[in-house]
Amino acid sequence: MAADEGLTGSSRVTVFAMFGVAFGYATHHLDARRVGDVAVVGPLTPGVEWGLLWQMARNCGRATAGEAELARWVLTQATRAFVCGSGRIAQFPEQGWKLEPGGKRVRFDSTYANRDQLWTGNLTVEGLAPDQVAQRPTIYTV
C-alpha cells in the first residue's frame, strides 16, 4: 500500500547504520492506548531514498519473498538495532520525527516484533548532527 500522506510524531527513536546508511526507527500509535502498533523506518543519510531499504530487503532475503516477508526483514533489522545495539548510532526515549509523503505501508497478518504495521519512507529526526546521518564506510554493499 502506498503512503500518500506524510506523518509527524514524537516517540522513541533509534538511529542505526546498515550497509553504510543511517536509518531511523520510530514507533507510532494509532489510538489512545499508545502501544506503538506501527513501526516507522526510513533513511536519514542525505541523498538516500526510502526505496533503498526495500532493495536491501530483496537482496538479503529469499528470492521468492513477498512484501510482508520483506517488511519483516526490515523490522527485524530495526529491532536488532533497538534491542541489541547492532549498528546503533543514537537512541532517544522521546524525539520528534517526520515521515515524508510517499513511501510504503505494510500491514502484517499478525503482530510481528510487537508491531502490526510497517511504514517506510524518507525520514527526518530532530536534533541529529551531520556526523550521525553521514554515509559510513562499509565492507558490505547491496
C-alpha atoms as a PDB file:
ATOM      1  CA  MET A   1       0.000   0.000   0.000  1.00  0.00           C
ATOM      2  CA  ALA A   2       1.440   3.417  -0.889  1.00  0.00           C
ATOM      3  CA  ALA A   3       1.707   6.075   1.769  1.00  0.00           C
ATOM      4  CA  ASP A   4       0.260   9.205   0.170  1.00  0.00           C
ATOM      5  CA  GLU A   5       0.278  11.238   3.360  1.00  0.00           C
ATOM      6  CA  GLY A   6       3.218  12.290   5.483  1.00  0.00           C
ATOM      7  CA  LEU A   7       3.275  11.862   9.218  1.00  0.00           C
ATOM      8  CA  THR A   8       4.813  13.826  12.070  1.00  0.00           C
ATOM      9  CA  GLY A   9       5.317  12.353  15.504  1.00  0.00           C
ATOM     10  CA  SER A  10       7.291  12.230  18.707  1.00  0.00           C
ATOM     11  CA  SER A  11       8.236   8.870  20.198  1.00  0.00           C
ATOM     12  CA  ARG A  12      11.113   6.556  20.946  1.00  0.00           C
ATOM     13  CA  VAL A  13      13.672   6.739  18.120  1.00  0.00           C
ATOM     14  CA  THR A  14      16.656   4.527  17.327  1.00  0.00           C
ATOM     15  CA  VAL A  15      19.215   5.684  14.760  1.00  0.00           C
ATOM     16  CA  PHE A  16      21.294   2.874  13.284  1.00  0.00           C
ATOM     17  CA  ALA A  17      23.667   2.159  10.404  1.00  0.00           C
ATOM     18  CA  MET A  18      23.142  -0.644   7.919  1.00  0.00           C
ATOM     19  CA  PHE A  19      25.255  -1.141   4.788  1.00  0.00           C
ATOM     20  CA  GLY A  20      26.777   2.313   5.362  1.00  0.00           C
ATOM     21  CA  VAL A  21      23.453   4.173   5.505  1.00  0.00           C
ATOM     22  CA  ALA A  22      21.937   5.767   8.618  1.00  0.00           C
ATOM     23  CA  PHE A  23      18.316   4.795   9.246  1.00  0.00           C
ATOM     24  CA  GLY A  24      15.775   5.870  11.828  1.00  0.00           C
ATOM     25  CA  TYR A  25      13.308   3.588  13.602  1.00  0.00           C
ATOM     26  CA  ALA A  26      10.409   5.184  15.456  1.00  0.00           C
ATOM     27  CA  THR A  27       7.056   3.997  16.721  1.00  0.00           C
ATOM     28  CA  HIS A  28       3.651   5.473  16.014  1.00  0.00           C
ATOM     29  CA  HIS A  29       0.390   4.968  17.875  1.00  0.00           C
ATOM     30  CA  LEU A  30      -2.913   4.648  16.041  1.00  0.00           C
ATOM     31  CA  ASP A  31      -5.065   5.204  19.141  1.00  0.00           C
ATOM     32  CA  ALA A  32      -5.015   6.399  22.749  1.00  0.00           C
ATOM     33  CA  ARG A  33      -3.620   3.103  24.072  1.00  0.00           C
ATOM     34  CA  ARG A  34      -0.153   4.235  22.887  1.00  0.00           C
ATOM     35  CA  VAL A  35       1.041   0.682  22.238  1.00  0.00           C
ATOM     36  CA  GLY A  36       3.289   1.683  19.339  1.00  0.00           C
ATOM     37  CA  ASP A  37       1.498  -0.538  16.880  1.00  0.00           C
ATOM     38  CA  VAL A  38       3.240   0.989  13.850  1.00  0.00           C
ATOM     39  CA  ALA A  39       6.969   0.765  13.134  1.00  0.00           C
ATOM     40  CA  VAL A  40       8.280   3.738  11.149  1.00  0.00           C
ATOM     41  CA  VAL A  41      11.611   3.149   9.372  1.00  0.00           C
ATOM     42  CA  GLY A  42      13.423   5.287   6.846  1.00  0.00           C
ATOM     43  CA  PRO A  43      16.824   6.503   5.693  1.00  0.00           C
ATOM     44  CA  LEU A  44      18.360   9.549   7.351  1.00  0.00           C
ATOM     45  CA  THR A  45      21.506   9.827   5.214  1.00  0.00           C
ATOM     46  CA  PRO A  46      21.194  12.789   2.819  1.00  0.00           C
ATOM     47  CA  GLY A  47      20.582  11.734  -0.771  1.00  0.00           C
ATOM     48  CA  VAL A  48      19.375   8.219   0.107  1.00  0.00           C
ATOM     49  CA  GLU A  49      15.774   7.426  -0.828  1.00  0.00           C
ATOM     50  CA  TRP A  50      13.436   5.041   1.005  1.00  0.00           C
ATOM     51  CA  GLY A  51      13.381   2.552  -1.891  1.00  0.00           C
ATOM     52  CA  LEU A  52      16.932   1.505  -0.984  1.00  0.00           C
ATOM     53  CA  LEU A  53      15.557  -0.056   2.202  1.00  0.00           C
ATOM     54  CA  TRP A  54      13.331  -2.371   0.157  1.00  0.00           C
ATOM     55  CA  GLN A  55      16.176  -3.105  -2.255  1.00  0.00           C
ATOM     56  CA  MET A  56      18.288  -4.175   0.741  1.00  0.00           C
ATOM     57  CA  ALA A  57      15.488  -6.462   1.899  1.00  0.00           C
ATOM     58  CA  ARG A  58      15.187  -8.023  -1.562  1.00  0.00           C
ATOM     59  CA  ASN A  59      18.940  -8.555  -1.870  1.00  0.00           C
ATOM     60  CA  CYS A  60      19.251 -10.070   1.610  1.00  0.00           C
ATOM     61  CA  GLY A  61      16.009 -12.041   1.694  1.00  0.00           C
ATOM     62  CA  ARG A  62      14.663 -15.034  -0.174  1.00  0.00           C
ATOM     63  CA  ALA A  63      14.274 -14.622  -3.920  1.00  0.00           C
ATOM     64  CA  THR A  64      10.573 -15.522  -3.657  1.00  0.00           C
ATOM     65  CA  ALA A  65       9.818 -13.306  -0.636  1.00  0.00           C
ATOM     66  CA  GLY A  66       6.598 -11.335  -0.782  1.00  0.00           C
ATOM     67  CA  GLU A  67       6.028  -7.826   0.536  1.00  0.00           C
ATOM     68  CA  ALA A  68       5.089  -8.944   4.071  1.00  0.00           C
ATOM     69  CA  GLU A  69       8.222 -11.082   4.370  1.00  0.00           C
ATOM     70  CA  LEU A  70      10.396  -8.207   3.140  1.00  0.00           C
ATOM     71  CA  ALA A  71       8.683  -5.927   5.658  1.00  0.00           C
ATOM     72  CA  ARG A  72       9.512  -8.406   8.431  1.00  0.00           C
ATOM     73  CA  TRP A  73      13.160  -8.329   7.325  1.00  0.00           C
ATOM     74  CA  VAL A  74      13.173  -4.515   7.561  1.00  0.00           C
ATOM     75  CA  LEU A  75      11.551  -4.587  11.004  1.00  0.00           C
ATOM     76  CA  THR A  76      13.974  -7.270  12.189  1.00  0.00           C
ATOM     77  CA  GLN A  77      16.955  -5.051  11.319  1.00  0.00           C
ATOM     78  CA  ALA A  78      15.443  -2.054  13.116  1.00  0.00           C
ATOM     79  CA  THR A  79      14.507  -4.151  16.146  1.00  0.00           C
ATOM     80  CA  ARG A  80      18.019  -5.626  16.282  1.00  0.00           C
ATOM     81  CA  ALA A  81      19.470  -2.112  16.473  1.00  0.00           C
ATOM     82  CA  PHE A  82      16.984  -1.110  19.191  1.00  0.00           C
ATOM     83  CA  VAL A  83      17.373  -4.211  21.361  1.00  0.00           C
ATOM     84  CA  CYS A  84      20.956  -5.357  20.750  1.00  0.00           C
ATOM     85  CA  GLY A  85      22.614  -2.117  19.713  1.00  0.00           C
ATOM     86  CA  SER A  86      23.749  -3.619  16.404  1.00  0.00           C
ATOM     87  CA  GLY A  87      24.886  -0.630  14.336  1.00  0.00           C
ATOM     88  CA  ARG A  88      23.250   1.776  16.782  1.00  0.00           C
ATOM     89  CA  ILE A  89      24.286   5.400  16.389  1.00  0.00           C
ATOM     90  CA  ALA A  90      21.851   7.019  18.840  1.00  0.00           C
ATOM     91  CA  GLN A  91      18.771   6.197  20.857  1.00  0.00           C
ATOM     92  CA  PHE A  92      16.213   8.648  22.228  1.00  0.00           C
ATOM     93  CA  PRO A  93      13.349   7.916  24.645  1.00  0.00           C
ATOM     94  CA  GLU A  94      11.312  10.739  23.053  1.00  0.00           C
ATOM     95  CA  GLN A  95      12.274  12.609  19.898  1.00  0.00           C
ATOM     96  CA  GLY A  96      10.428  14.421  17.136  1.00  0.00           C
ATOM     97  CA  TRP A  97      10.437  12.912  13.647  1.00  0.00           C
ATOM     98  CA  LYS A  98       8.756  13.352  10.269  1.00  0.00           C
ATOM     99  CA  LEU A  99       7.929  10.762   7.606  1.00  0.00           C
ATOM    100  CA  GLU A 100       7.623  12.422   4.193  1.00  0.00           C
ATOM    101  CA  PRO A 101       4.673  11.699   1.882  1.00  0.00           C
ATOM    102  CA  GLY A 102       5.169   8.687  -0.368  1.00  0.00           C
ATOM    103  CA  GLY A 103       6.834   5.522   0.824  1.00  0.00           C
ATOM    104  CA  LYS A 104       5.226   2.194   1.535  1.00  0.00           C
ATOM    105  CA  ARG A 105       2.942   0.836   4.249  1.00  0.00           C
ATOM    106  CA  VAL A 106       2.570  -2.859   5.008  1.00  0.00           C
ATOM    107  CA  ARG A 107       0.110  -4.403   7.456  1.00  0.00           C
ATOM    108  CA  PHE A 108       1.236  -7.703   8.990  1.00  0.00           C
ATOM    109  CA  ASP A 109      -1.199 -10.632   9.086  1.00  0.00           C
ATOM    110  CA  SER A 110      -0.360 -10.967  12.774  1.00  0.00           C
ATOM    111  CA  THR A 111       1.707  -8.902  15.179  1.00  0.00           C
ATOM    112  CA  TYR A 112       5.432  -9.120  14.414  1.00  0.00           C
ATOM    113  CA  ALA A 113       8.090  -7.790  16.818  1.00  0.00           C
ATOM    114  CA  ASN A 114       5.247  -6.119  18.745  1.00  0.00           C
ATOM    115  CA  ARG A 115       4.124  -4.157  15.659  1.00  0.00           C
ATOM    116  CA  ASP A 116       1.044  -4.536  13.474  1.00  0.00           C
ATOM    117  CA  GLN A 117       2.291  -2.393  10.588  1.00  0.00           C
ATOM    118  CA  LEU A 118       5.487  -1.101   8.993  1.00  0.00           C
ATOM    119  CA  TRP A 119       5.529   2.325   7.383  1.00  0.00           C
ATOM    120  CA  THR A 120       8.634   3.247   5.400  1.00  0.00           C
ATOM    121  CA  GLY A 121       9.598   6.443   3.634  1.00  0.00           C
ATOM    122  CA  ASN A 122      12.067   9.276   3.733  1.00  0.00           C
ATOM    123  CA  LEU A 123      12.522  10.178   7.377  1.00  0.00           C
ATOM    124  CA  THR A 124      13.965  13.086   9.333  1.00  0.00           C
ATOM    125  CA  VAL A 125      14.677  13.085  13.061  1.00  0.00           C
ATOM    126  CA  GLU A 126      15.030  16.292  15.058  1.00  0.00           C
ATOM    127  CA  GLY A 127      18.339  17.182  16.649  1.00  0.00           C
ATOM    128  CA  LEU A 128      20.696  14.867  14.776  1.00  0.00           C
ATOM    129  CA  ALA A 129      24.200  16.091  13.969  1.00  0.00           C
ATOM    130  CA  PRO A 130      25.568  15.751  10.417  1.00  0.00           C
ATOM    131  CA  ASP A 131      28.024  13.041  11.503  1.00  0.00           C
ATOM    132  CA  GLN A 132      25.127  10.952  12.860  1.00  0.00           C
ATOM    133  CA  VAL A 133      23.413  10.764   9.464  1.00  0.00           C
ATOM    134  CA  ALA A 134      26.502  10.738   7.217  1.00  0.00           C
ATOM    135  CA  GLN A 135      27.305   7.828   4.915  1.00  0.00           C
ATOM    136  CA  ARG A 136      29.611   5.338   6.652  1.00  0.00           C
ATOM    137  CA  PRO A 137      32.311   3.108   5.248  1.00  0.00           C
ATOM    138  CA  THR A 138      31.170  -0.488   4.869  1.00  0.00           C
ATOM    139  CA  ILE A 139      32.610  -3.703   3.526  1.00  0.00           C
ATOM    140  CA  TYR A 140      29.141  -4.895   2.501  1.00  0.00           C
ATOM    141  CA  THR A 141      27.230  -3.491  -0.447  1.00  0.00           C
ATOM    142  CA  VAL A 142      23.696  -4.002  -1.698  1.00  0.00           C
END
